[in-house]
Amino acid sequence: MLGESPWSVENISDNPARYVALMVRHLESQGVDCRGALQAAGIDRARLDHSQALLSGAQITSAVRQLALASQRTDLGFIIGGLIGPGLFGDLGRALLSCATLRDAIEISARYFALVTPRFSMRTREVGDRLEICWQPVQPVPYDLMSAAFEIILVSFHRQVERLLPGGLPPYDIHLSMSAPPHAERYRELKPARCHFGQGGLPALRIEIDAQVLNIPMPLLNAADLAEAEQRLQPRLHIQPKQESWVAWVRMMLNEALDCQPTQEELAGLVNLSTSTLARHLLSEGCSFRDLANESRHERACHWLGEDGVTVSEIARRLGYTSVANFSRAFRARSGVSPRAFALGPRRART
């Protein structure tokens, strides 16, 4: 991972403040003074007491970082995920509890996940005898905030499913694109889940679970309550915020992809667009997918060439080149030197 991307965080107030509010209330209950952190993030503490309060992406990013500094904790996402319950989501929480089976609850959650957070999507698909659930960013999100969000989603999912299954959770697999955090030991608390960090591909949190387990009846089944809740939820999907920068999102997805080079078709599919529509969006911002992909490839190549123990052939493979020769030609055309010469340059400067 390259870490934080070089784009500016958006300033549109379209993000639910509920997660920052939950974080602040928890830290305050532990004796942490959050006033300085909130002031640095430009957030009025009283604003967090309103259930429908919204914050800009910049405010949320700053708040999470400042609160982590104030509390000296790296596991705030893990903590907050464990505090989340259906009651936090109003009509959606009511709909989830009213479903006939856990599978239905997961499908409802995926359908309305934009109401949970507009920055991530949630999708499901059958893979053999398992159900795969995948969360991915559909708006530009800094790497550290993305990692915290994946952690919140994961722990919240685990705890809530744990409560709903009378026999407890069966073993299942968690695949995270992010590297193992400093508090990785805490993930043992999610047993019997098996956690796999640093998985290749696009930024994602992916869960694979036995599909048969999901057919167990839910204890609070209420078809009338479910229908009523969905009737109120559906209109809200049409007033969700639009993508503020397609260029920023594509650049982020390209830069944070691990051991692969995403295609335009692949990224368009994540946001339910055709490749031509995504191309038009990028063109309206004065850019093309090819330009962004070439820029990202070169930036990532330079980053890895500066690391010890990473070979040129390995970098060529990670970036999707069919041969080392093709990679070397592309790199030389952009930088004026070969990959090996670029990798040796800093070393010569240090000696």
Protein backbone atom coordinates (compact mmCIF):
# COMPACT_ATOMS: atom_id res chain seq x y z
CA MET A 1 0.00 0.00 0.00
CA LEU A 2 1.18 3.51 -0.77
CA GLY A 3 -0.72 4.85 2.23
CA GLU A 4 -2.31 8.25 2.05
CA SER A 5 -3.27 9.37 -1.47
CA PRO A 6 -2.20 12.79 -2.81
CA TRP A 7 -5.71 14.18 -3.32
CA SER A 8 -7.60 16.67 -1.19
CA VAL A 9 -10.37 15.31 1.03
CA GLU A 10 -13.80 16.60 0.02
CA ASN A 11 -15.67 19.19 2.08
CA ILE A 12 -19.27 18.25 1.34
CA SER A 13 -21.32 17.61 4.49
CA ASP A 14 -22.93 14.35 3.40
CA ASN A 15 -21.57 11.84 5.92
CA PRO A 16 -23.44 10.60 8.99
CA ALA A 17 -21.86 11.91 12.19
CA ARG A 18 -23.03 8.85 14.15
CA TYR A 19 -19.68 7.04 14.15
CA VAL A 20 -17.67 10.04 15.33
CA ALA A 21 -20.34 10.68 17.97
CA LEU A 22 -20.11 7.08 19.17
CA MET A 23 -16.32 7.33 19.31
CA VAL A 24 -16.45 10.57 21.30
CA ARG A 25 -19.02 9.27 23.79
CA HIS A 26 -16.95 6.13 24.39
CA LEU A 27 -13.71 8.03 24.90
CA GLU A 28 -15.39 10.54 27.21
CA SER A 29 -16.71 7.64 29.29
CA GLN A 30 -13.08 6.50 29.62
CA GLY A 31 -11.99 9.92 30.86
CA VAL A 32 -10.45 11.15 27.59
CA ASP A 33 -10.85 14.88 26.94
CA CYS A 34 -12.03 15.11 23.31
CA ARG A 35 -12.55 18.87 23.15
CA GLY A 36 -9.18 19.67 21.58
CA ALA A 37 -9.52 16.91 18.99
CA LEU A 38 -13.00 18.09 17.97
CA GLN A 39 -11.91 21.72 17.86
CA ALA A 40 -8.98 20.77 15.59
CA ALA A 41 -11.45 18.96 13.32
CA GLY A 42 -13.80 21.95 13.24
CA ILE A 43 -16.65 20.08 14.95
CA ASP A 44 -19.01 21.54 17.55
CA ARG A 45 -19.44 18.93 20.33
CA ALA A 46 -23.15 19.78 20.69
CA ARG A 47 -23.68 18.91 17.03
CA LEU A 48 -22.84 15.28 17.74
CA ASP A 49 -25.87 14.93 20.02
CA HIS A 50 -28.24 15.18 17.02
CA SER A 51 -28.99 11.77 15.47
CA GLN A 52 -29.27 13.17 11.92
CA ALA A 53 -26.13 15.34 12.08
CA LEU A 54 -23.84 15.31 9.04
CA LEU A 55 -20.13 16.00 8.73
CA SER A 56 -17.83 16.63 5.79
CA GLY A 57 -15.29 14.02 4.77
CA ALA A 58 -12.52 16.36 5.91
CA GLN A 59 -14.09 16.70 9.37
CA ILE A 60 -14.49 12.94 9.79
CA THR A 61 -10.95 12.22 8.65
CA SER A 62 -9.50 14.87 10.94
CA ALA A 63 -11.68 13.79 13.88
CA VAL A 64 -10.67 10.12 13.64
CA ARG A 65 -6.99 11.07 13.46
CA GLN A 66 -7.18 13.62 16.28
CA LEU A 67 -9.17 11.28 18.54
CA ALA A 68 -6.65 8.49 17.94
CA LEU A 69 -3.89 10.89 19.01
CA ALA A 70 -5.83 12.11 22.05
CA SER A 71 -6.57 8.56 23.23
CA GLN A 72 -3.22 7.07 22.17
CA ARG A 73 -5.11 4.11 20.69
CA THR A 74 -4.82 2.41 17.31
CA ASP A 75 -7.88 0.19 17.81
CA LEU A 76 -10.68 2.77 17.89
CA GLY A 77 -12.31 1.15 14.85
CA PHE A 78 -12.34 -2.21 16.65
CA ILE A 79 -13.86 -0.64 19.77
CA ILE A 80 -16.56 1.30 17.92
CA GLY A 81 -17.52 -1.71 15.81
CA GLY A 82 -18.30 -3.60 19.00
CA LEU A 83 -20.57 -0.81 20.24
CA ILE A 84 -22.75 -0.64 17.14
CA GLY A 85 -26.20 -2.21 17.31
CA PRO A 86 -29.29 -2.17 15.05
CA GLY A 87 -30.79 0.68 17.08
CA LEU A 88 -28.19 3.05 15.67
CA PHE A 89 -29.74 2.81 12.19
CA GLY A 90 -33.40 3.57 12.85
CA ASP A 91 -35.66 2.11 10.15
CA LEU A 92 -32.84 0.03 8.69
CA GLY A 93 -32.12 -1.51 12.08
CA ARG A 94 -35.82 -2.27 12.49
CA ALA A 95 -35.88 -3.90 9.03
CA LEU A 96 -32.86 -6.05 9.82
CA LEU A 97 -34.38 -7.39 13.04
CA SER A 98 -37.70 -8.12 11.28
CA CYS A 99 -36.22 -10.37 8.57
CA ALA A 100 -37.11 -14.05 8.27
CA THR A 101 -33.52 -15.32 8.10
CA LEU A 102 -30.00 -14.03 8.56
CA ARG A 103 -29.52 -14.28 4.79
CA ASP A 104 -32.47 -11.91 4.29
CA ALA A 105 -30.99 -9.50 6.84
CA ILE A 106 -27.66 -9.49 5.00
CA GLU A 107 -29.38 -8.84 1.66
CA ILE A 108 -31.40 -5.97 3.18
CA SER A 109 -28.22 -4.52 4.63
CA ALA A 110 -26.52 -4.68 1.22
CA ARG A 111 -29.50 -3.05 -0.49
CA TYR A 112 -29.52 -0.06 1.85
CA PHE A 113 -25.85 0.13 2.78
CA ALA A 114 -25.57 3.62 1.29
CA LEU A 115 -27.74 4.74 4.22
CA VAL A 116 -25.21 3.25 6.65
CA THR A 117 -22.34 5.08 4.95
CA PRO A 118 -22.33 6.56 1.42
CA ARG A 119 -18.58 5.97 1.16
CA PHE A 120 -18.75 2.17 0.88
CA SER A 121 -20.75 -0.43 -1.02
CA MET A 122 -21.80 -3.85 0.22
CA ARG A 123 -22.34 -6.76 -2.18
CA THR A 124 -23.09 -10.45 -1.84
CA ARG A 125 -22.67 -13.46 -4.11
CA GLU A 126 -22.80 -17.24 -3.86
CA VAL A 127 -19.43 -18.99 -4.17
CA GLY A 128 -20.05 -22.73 -4.10
CA ASP A 129 -21.60 -23.56 -0.72
CA ARG A 130 -20.51 -20.24 0.80
CA LEU A 131 -21.85 -16.72 0.75
CA GLU A 132 -19.29 -14.01 0.00
CA ILE A 133 -19.97 -10.55 1.43
CA CYS A 134 -17.77 -7.75 0.15
CA TRP A 135 -17.42 -4.10 1.22
CA GLN A 136 -15.47 -1.63 -0.94
CA PRO A 137 -15.02 2.16 -1.08
CA VAL A 138 -17.10 3.92 -3.73
CA GLN A 139 -15.93 7.40 -2.74
CA PRO A 140 -12.34 8.63 -2.24
CA VAL A 141 -11.22 7.73 1.29
CA PRO A 142 -7.73 8.14 2.82
CA TYR A 143 -6.04 4.82 3.57
CA ASP A 144 -6.07 5.20 7.36
CA LEU A 145 -9.77 6.07 7.41
CA MET A 146 -10.52 3.19 5.03
CA SER A 147 -8.76 0.77 7.37
CA ALA A 148 -10.72 2.10 10.37
CA ALA A 149 -13.99 1.82 8.42
CA PHE A 150 -13.29 -1.78 7.41
CA GLU A 151 -12.56 -2.57 11.05
CA ILE A 152 -15.80 -0.97 12.24
CA ILE A 153 -17.83 -2.83 9.60
CA LEU A 154 -16.15 -6.16 10.36
CA VAL A 155 -16.47 -6.06 14.15
CA SER A 156 -20.05 -4.76 13.93
CA PHE A 157 -20.97 -7.60 11.54
CA HIS A 158 -19.34 -10.24 13.74
CA ARG A 159 -20.93 -9.05 16.99
CA GLN A 160 -24.43 -8.67 15.57
CA VAL A 161 -24.44 -12.02 13.77
CA GLU A 162 -23.03 -13.61 16.93
CA ARG A 163 -26.04 -12.32 18.88
CA LEU A 164 -28.57 -13.50 16.30
CA LEU A 165 -27.32 -17.09 15.83
CA PRO A 166 -28.55 -19.23 18.74
CA GLY A 167 -25.79 -21.82 18.27
CA GLY A 168 -23.04 -19.27 17.82
CA LEU A 169 -20.99 -18.43 14.74
CA PRO A 170 -19.41 -21.23 12.71
CA PRO A 171 -15.80 -20.84 11.50
CA TYR A 172 -15.61 -18.34 8.63
CA ASP A 173 -12.95 -16.43 6.74
CA ILE A 174 -12.16 -12.70 6.79
CA HIS A 175 -10.02 -11.28 3.98
CA LEU A 176 -8.71 -7.72 4.45
CA SER A 177 -6.76 -5.76 1.85
CA MET A 178 -5.16 -3.67 4.61
CA SER A 179 -1.95 -4.71 6.34
CA ALA A 180 -2.15 -6.12 9.86
CA PRO A 181 -2.59 -3.19 12.30
CA PRO A 182 -0.52 -2.73 15.48
CA HIS A 183 -3.40 -4.22 17.47
CA ALA A 184 -3.78 -7.29 15.21
CA GLU A 185 -3.81 -9.49 18.32
CA ARG A 186 -7.32 -8.17 19.06
CA TYR A 187 -8.64 -9.96 15.98
CA ARG A 188 -8.36 -13.18 17.96
CA GLU A 189 -11.47 -11.92 19.78
CA LEU A 190 -13.42 -12.59 16.59
CA LYS A 191 -12.98 -16.37 16.86
CA PRO A 192 -13.90 -18.70 15.31
CA ALA A 193 -13.20 -16.37 12.37
CA ARG A 194 -9.92 -16.77 10.49
CA CYS A 195 -8.39 -13.38 9.58
CA HIS A 196 -6.19 -12.90 6.52
CA PHE A 197 -4.46 -9.51 6.17
CA GLY A 198 -2.78 -7.96 3.14
CA GLN A 199 -4.88 -9.84 0.61
CA GLY A 200 -4.23 -8.96 -3.03
CA GLY A 201 -6.63 -7.09 -5.28
CA LEU A 202 -8.67 -3.93 -4.92
CA PRO A 203 -9.24 -2.34 -1.48
CA ALA A 204 -11.85 -4.52 0.18
CA LEU A 205 -13.17 -6.29 3.24
CA ARG A 206 -14.44 -9.70 2.21
CA ILE A 207 -16.15 -12.35 4.33
CA GLU A 208 -16.87 -15.94 3.32
CA ILE A 209 -19.35 -17.85 5.45
CA ASP A 210 -21.26 -21.14 5.16
CA ALA A 211 -24.43 -20.28 3.23
CA GLN A 212 -26.51 -22.91 5.04
CA VAL A 213 -25.98 -21.21 8.39
CA LEU A 214 -27.64 -18.08 7.04
CA ASN A 215 -30.97 -19.88 6.56
CA ILE A 216 -31.56 -20.19 10.30
CA PRO A 217 -34.82 -18.34 11.21
CA MET A 218 -34.51 -14.96 12.92
CA PRO A 219 -36.08 -14.69 16.40
CA LEU A 220 -37.99 -11.41 15.77
CA LEU A 221 -39.51 -12.16 12.35
CA ASN A 222 -42.23 -9.60 11.56
CA ALA A 223 -43.22 -9.26 7.90
CA ALA A 224 -45.45 -6.23 8.55
CA ASP A 225 -42.69 -4.32 10.35
CA LEU A 226 -40.23 -5.21 7.56
CA ALA A 227 -42.57 -3.96 4.83
CA GLU A 228 -43.26 -0.73 6.71
CA ALA A 229 -39.58 -0.08 7.35
CA GLU A 230 -38.66 -0.71 3.70
CA GLN A 231 -41.40 1.64 2.55
CA ARG A 232 -39.68 4.43 4.47
CA LEU A 233 -36.18 3.41 3.43
CA GLN A 234 -36.62 3.21 -0.34
CA PRO A 235 -37.17 6.94 -1.04
CA ARG A 236 -34.01 7.80 0.92
CA LEU A 237 -31.83 5.88 -1.54
CA HIS A 238 -32.67 8.45 -4.23
CA ILE A 239 -31.29 11.39 -2.28
CA GLN A 240 -27.82 10.01 -1.59
CA PRO A 241 -24.86 12.30 -2.42
CA LYS A 242 -23.27 12.03 -5.84
CA GLN A 243 -19.62 11.20 -6.45
CA GLU A 244 -17.70 14.42 -5.79
CA SER A 245 -14.60 13.40 -7.78
CA TRP A 246 -14.36 10.43 -10.09
CA VAL A 247 -10.69 11.17 -10.72
CA ALA A 248 -9.90 11.09 -6.98
CA TRP A 249 -11.77 7.80 -6.53
CA VAL A 250 -10.15 6.08 -9.53
CA ARG A 251 -6.71 7.32 -8.47
CA MET A 252 -7.27 5.98 -4.94
CA MET A 253 -8.43 2.57 -6.18
CA LEU A 254 -5.47 2.28 -8.54
CA ASN A 255 -2.92 3.35 -5.92
CA GLU A 256 -4.28 1.09 -3.17
CA ALA A 257 -4.72 -2.04 -5.33
CA LEU A 258 -2.36 -4.73 -4.06
CA ASP A 259 -0.47 -7.00 -6.48
CA CYS A 260 -2.74 -6.16 -9.41
CA GLN A 261 -3.51 -3.48 -11.97
CA PRO A 262 -7.29 -2.77 -12.01
CA THR A 263 -9.01 -2.27 -15.36
CA GLN A 264 -11.49 0.44 -16.25
CA GLU A 265 -14.19 -2.18 -16.68
CA GLU A 266 -13.50 -3.59 -13.23
CA LEU A 267 -13.77 -0.20 -11.51
CA ALA A 268 -16.87 0.80 -13.49
CA GLY A 269 -18.60 -2.39 -12.36
CA LEU A 270 -18.04 -1.52 -8.70
CA VAL A 271 -20.17 1.60 -9.04
CA ASN A 272 -22.71 0.08 -11.48
CA LEU A 273 -21.52 2.10 -14.47
CA SER A 274 -20.57 1.16 -18.00
CA THR A 275 -16.95 1.75 -18.98
CA SER A 276 -18.06 4.48 -21.39
CA THR A 277 -19.99 6.31 -18.64
CA LEU A 278 -17.00 6.18 -16.30
CA ALA A 279 -14.82 7.46 -19.14
CA ARG A 280 -17.20 10.40 -19.67
CA HIS A 281 -17.12 11.25 -15.95
CA LEU A 282 -13.32 11.26 -15.98
CA LEU A 283 -13.21 13.32 -19.18
CA SER A 284 -15.51 15.91 -17.59
CA GLU A 285 -12.79 16.36 -14.94
CA GLY A 286 -10.11 16.69 -17.62
CA CYS A 287 -8.58 13.23 -17.31
CA SER A 288 -8.69 9.74 -18.80
CA PHE A 289 -8.43 6.31 -17.24
CA ARG A 290 -5.32 5.56 -19.26
CA ASP A 291 -3.57 8.68 -17.95
CA LEU A 292 -4.50 7.82 -14.37
CA ALA A 293 -3.45 4.19 -14.76
CA ASN A 294 -0.07 5.12 -16.27
CA GLU A 295 0.51 7.72 -13.53
CA SER A 296 -0.41 5.23 -10.80
CA ARG A 297 1.75 2.49 -12.29
CA HIS A 298 4.76 4.78 -12.37
CA GLU A 299 4.21 6.08 -8.83
CA ARG A 300 3.86 2.58 -7.45
CA ALA A 301 6.89 1.39 -9.42
CA CYS A 302 9.01 4.20 -7.96
CA HIS A 303 7.74 3.39 -4.47
CA TRP A 304 8.60 -0.32 -4.72
CA LEU A 305 11.93 0.29 -6.45
CA GLY A 306 12.94 2.24 -3.34
CA GLU A 307 12.29 -0.78 -1.10
CA ASP A 308 14.95 -3.36 -0.30
CA GLY A 309 14.31 -6.93 -1.38
CA VAL A 310 11.74 -6.20 -4.10
CA THR A 311 12.96 -7.32 -7.52
CA VAL A 312 12.20 -5.65 -10.83
CA SER A 313 10.46 -8.81 -12.07
CA GLU A 314 8.26 -8.85 -8.95
CA ILE A 315 7.29 -5.22 -9.51
CA ALA A 316 6.49 -5.91 -13.16
CA ARG A 317 4.21 -8.77 -12.06
CA ARG A 318 2.46 -6.65 -9.41
CA LEU A 319 1.74 -3.94 -11.97
CA GLY A 320 0.27 -6.34 -14.51
CA TYR A 321 3.01 -6.18 -17.17
CA THR A 322 3.32 -9.27 -19.35
CA SER A 323 7.12 -9.13 -19.21
CA VAL A 324 9.99 -7.35 -17.46
CA ALA A 325 11.02 -5.92 -20.84
CA ASN A 326 7.62 -4.23 -21.28
CA PHE A 327 7.83 -2.79 -17.79
CA SER A 328 11.37 -1.53 -18.35
CA ARG A 329 10.42 0.17 -21.62
CA ALA A 330 7.40 1.89 -20.03
CA PHE A 331 9.41 3.01 -17.00
CA ARG A 332 12.30 4.35 -19.09
CA ALA A 333 9.89 6.24 -21.36
CA ARG A 334 8.46 8.08 -18.35
CA SER A 335 11.55 8.59 -16.18
CA GLY A 336 14.45 8.50 -18.63
CA VAL A 337 16.25 5.70 -16.78
CA SER A 338 15.79 1.96 -16.40
CA PRO A 339 14.10 0.53 -13.27
CA ARG A 340 17.42 -0.91 -12.07
CA ALA A 341 19.21 2.41 -12.52
CA PHE A 342 16.42 4.19 -10.64
CA ALA A 343 16.65 1.64 -7.79
CA LEU A 344 20.43 2.08 -7.52
CA GLY A 345 20.33 5.87 -7.63
CA PRO A 346 19.35 6.52 -3.97
CA ARG A 347 21.83 3.88 -2.80
CA ARG A 348 24.70 5.60 -4.60
CA ALA A 349 23.62 8.90 -3.07
CA ARG A 350 23.85 7.42 0.44
CA THR A 351 27.36 5.99 -0.04
